[in-house]
């Protein structure tokens, strides 16, 4: 009985330790520059999730950078604006779990009433983090055969992940 309690406790510890490294939020970061390439400090950057109405804004720092952490996953519109420049909006940016999504702006001189809208595309490579990650869609979870329905086997779908060599200590 004592061994069973001990092994259950160890199992719970390893499950909790494995889950604590998981993040269900994402980050949007970037730099605001003018058309000459100089950084624009004090520009107001707003992230908005149209589906939920979630909105957060902040001003860029002295080197023109902004950082929004702990954002819920989903589709966002990001707007940058500063007096003397045209505002610019990048729409339909998809933020996935634990993703660091870079959104850079180049503001052009103009009246504040002018707005430039950019349709966003997802970059192939993230240069902001060395983390390897992937989002496993619900259709993959339901459509792929899982031996014993163990969801931890889905980890092997991520590029660069392997199960180790049989008979090794890994």
Protein backbone atom coordinates (compact mmCIF):
# COMPACT_ATOMS: atom_id res chain seq x y z
CA UNK A 1 0.00 0.00 0.00
CA UNK A 2 2.83 2.36 0.90
CA UNK A 3 4.55 1.69 -2.47
CA UNK A 4 1.32 2.40 -4.36
CA UNK A 5 0.86 5.77 -2.61
CA UNK A 6 4.49 6.63 -3.22
CA UNK A 7 4.31 5.76 -6.92
CA UNK A 8 1.04 7.74 -7.33
CA UNK A 9 2.67 10.71 -5.63
CA UNK A 10 5.70 10.48 -7.92
CA UNK A 11 3.44 10.24 -10.97
CA UNK A 12 1.50 13.35 -9.91
CA UNK A 13 4.78 15.19 -9.32
CA UNK A 14 6.05 14.39 -12.82
CA UNK A 15 2.73 15.32 -14.43
CA UNK A 16 2.66 18.64 -12.55
CA UNK A 17 6.31 19.33 -13.40
CA UNK A 18 5.66 18.64 -17.08
CA UNK A 19 2.57 20.83 -17.18
CA UNK A 20 4.17 23.77 -15.40
CA UNK A 21 6.36 24.39 -18.44
CA UNK A 22 3.32 24.78 -20.68
CA UNK A 23 1.91 28.20 -21.48
CA UNK A 24 -1.58 28.81 -22.85
CA UNK A 25 -0.90 32.44 -23.71
CA UNK A 26 1.15 34.23 -26.34
CA UNK A 27 3.23 37.36 -26.87
CA UNK A 28 3.12 40.08 -29.51
CA UNK A 29 6.23 42.24 -29.87
CA UNK A 30 7.79 44.50 -32.43
CA UNK A 31 9.39 47.79 -33.40
CA UNK A 32 7.89 50.97 -34.81
CA UNK A 33 10.05 52.89 -37.31
CA UNK A 34 9.52 55.80 -39.66
CA UNK A 35 10.02 55.63 -43.42
CA UNK A 36 13.73 56.53 -43.05
CA UNK A 37 14.30 53.59 -40.68
CA UNK A 38 14.62 55.66 -37.49
CA UNK A 39 12.78 54.31 -34.46
CA UNK A 40 9.61 56.06 -33.31
CA UNK A 41 9.47 56.32 -29.53
CA UNK A 42 6.20 57.16 -27.80
CA UNK A 43 4.02 55.67 -30.55
CA UNK A 44 0.76 54.21 -29.27
CA UNK A 45 0.40 50.52 -30.15
CA UNK A 46 -2.96 48.81 -29.63
CA UNK A 47 -3.71 45.08 -29.82
CA UNK A 48 -7.35 44.14 -30.31
CA UNK A 49 -9.00 40.74 -30.52
CA UNK A 50 -12.16 41.36 -32.59
CA UNK A 51 -13.84 38.07 -31.62
CA UNK A 52 -13.86 38.91 -27.90
CA UNK A 53 -13.42 42.68 -27.81
CA UNK A 54 -10.20 42.29 -25.80
CA UNK A 55 -8.02 45.40 -26.16
CA UNK A 56 -4.69 46.44 -24.67
CA UNK A 57 -2.46 49.38 -25.57
CA UNK A 58 0.92 50.83 -24.64
CA UNK A 59 3.50 53.31 -25.92
CA UNK A 60 6.76 52.28 -27.53
CA UNK A 61 9.90 52.70 -25.42
CA UNK A 62 12.96 54.84 -26.22
CA UNK A 63 14.14 52.45 -28.93
CA UNK A 64 10.72 52.12 -30.58
CA UNK A 65 9.90 48.65 -29.19
CA UNK A 66 6.70 47.31 -27.68
CA UNK A 67 5.89 44.04 -25.90
CA UNK A 68 2.49 42.58 -25.02
CA UNK A 69 2.79 39.44 -22.88
CA UNK A 70 0.20 36.99 -21.57
CA UNK A 71 -2.25 37.56 -24.43
CA UNK A 72 -5.05 35.06 -25.03
CA UNK A 73 -4.59 33.02 -28.20
CA UNK A 74 -6.65 33.96 -31.23
CA UNK A 75 -6.78 36.46 -34.09
CA UNK A 76 -5.61 40.02 -33.44
CA UNK A 77 -5.50 43.40 -35.16
CA UNK A 78 -2.50 45.54 -34.15
CA UNK A 79 -2.41 49.32 -34.72
CA UNK A 80 0.48 51.78 -34.38
CA UNK A 81 -0.09 55.53 -34.34
CA UNK A 82 1.84 58.70 -33.52
CA UNK A 83 1.10 62.37 -34.09
CA UNK A 84 2.45 63.52 -37.48
CA UNK A 85 2.32 60.01 -38.96
CA UNK A 86 -0.31 57.94 -40.71
CA UNK A 87 -1.60 55.20 -38.44
CA UNK A 88 -1.01 51.65 -39.63
CA UNK A 89 -3.01 48.52 -38.82
CA UNK A 90 -2.02 44.91 -39.40
CA UNK A 91 -5.09 42.69 -39.40
CA UNK A 92 -5.85 39.00 -38.93
CA UNK A 93 -2.66 38.12 -37.07
CA UNK A 94 -3.05 34.62 -35.60
CA UNK A 95 -1.44 34.17 -32.17
CA UNK A 96 -0.98 30.54 -31.12
CA UNK A 97 -0.12 28.97 -27.79
CA UNK A 98 3.26 30.07 -26.40
CA UNK A 99 4.08 31.96 -29.62
CA UNK A 100 6.19 35.13 -29.83
CA UNK A 101 4.65 36.94 -32.78
CA UNK A 102 6.76 39.79 -34.21
CA UNK A 103 4.80 42.69 -35.72
CA UNK A 104 6.94 45.55 -37.04
CA UNK A 105 5.58 48.86 -38.33
CA UNK A 106 6.94 51.47 -40.71
CA UNK A 107 4.95 54.67 -40.28
CA UNK A 108 4.92 57.25 -43.07
CA UNK A 109 4.68 60.98 -42.49
CA UNK A 110 1.18 62.25 -43.07
CA UNK A 111 -2.02 63.46 -41.56
CA UNK A 112 -3.44 61.58 -38.63
CA UNK A 113 -6.67 61.05 -40.57
CA UNK A 114 -4.87 58.83 -43.09
CA UNK A 115 -4.68 55.14 -42.26
CA UNK A 116 -2.69 52.35 -43.89
CA UNK A 117 -4.04 48.81 -43.44
CA UNK A 118 -1.79 45.81 -44.00
CA UNK A 119 -3.07 42.25 -44.37
CA UNK A 120 -0.75 40.11 -42.28
CA UNK A 121 0.98 36.92 -43.27
CA UNK A 122 2.54 34.49 -40.83
CA UNK A 123 6.34 34.36 -41.03
CA UNK A 124 7.89 30.96 -41.68
CA UNK A 125 10.71 31.42 -39.15
CA UNK A 126 10.60 33.22 -35.81
CA UNK A 127 13.80 35.14 -35.12
CA UNK A 128 12.72 36.20 -31.63
CA UNK A 129 13.01 32.87 -29.86
CA UNK A 130 15.00 29.65 -30.19
CA UNK A 131 12.08 27.69 -28.79
CA UNK A 132 10.76 24.84 -30.92
CA UNK A 133 7.03 24.46 -30.68
CA UNK A 134 3.94 23.55 -32.61
CA UNK A 135 0.19 23.73 -32.19
CA UNK A 136 -1.58 20.41 -32.58
CA UNK A 137 -5.03 21.08 -33.98
CA UNK A 138 -8.12 19.34 -32.64
CA UNK A 139 -8.67 17.51 -35.94
CA UNK A 140 -5.22 15.92 -35.55
CA UNK A 141 -6.07 14.81 -32.02
CA UNK A 142 -9.33 13.19 -33.11
CA UNK A 143 -8.19 11.92 -36.51
CA UNK A 144 -4.83 10.33 -35.74
CA UNK A 145 -4.59 6.86 -34.26
CA UNK A 146 -3.13 7.11 -30.76
CA UNK A 147 -1.92 3.89 -29.21
CA UNK A 148 -3.85 3.71 -25.94
CA UNK A 149 -5.17 7.28 -26.47
CA UNK A 150 -2.11 8.71 -24.71
CA UNK A 151 -2.08 12.45 -25.53
CA UNK A 152 1.64 12.68 -24.71
CA UNK A 153 2.32 10.75 -27.94
CA UNK A 154 1.21 13.85 -29.85
CA UNK A 155 4.53 15.46 -28.87
CA UNK A 156 6.22 13.33 -31.53
CA UNK A 157 4.31 15.29 -34.22
CA UNK A 158 6.45 18.37 -33.52
CA UNK A 159 9.46 18.64 -35.87
CA UNK A 160 12.72 17.93 -34.05
CA UNK A 161 11.18 15.74 -31.33
CA UNK A 162 12.08 12.08 -31.05
CA UNK A 163 11.31 9.25 -28.66
CA UNK A 164 14.96 8.47 -27.99
CA UNK A 165 16.73 5.24 -28.82
CA UNK A 166 15.23 2.04 -27.47
CA UNK A 167 17.32 0.57 -24.70
CA UNK A 168 18.98 3.89 -23.82
CA UNK A 169 18.52 5.89 -20.63
CA UNK A 170 16.87 8.82 -22.51
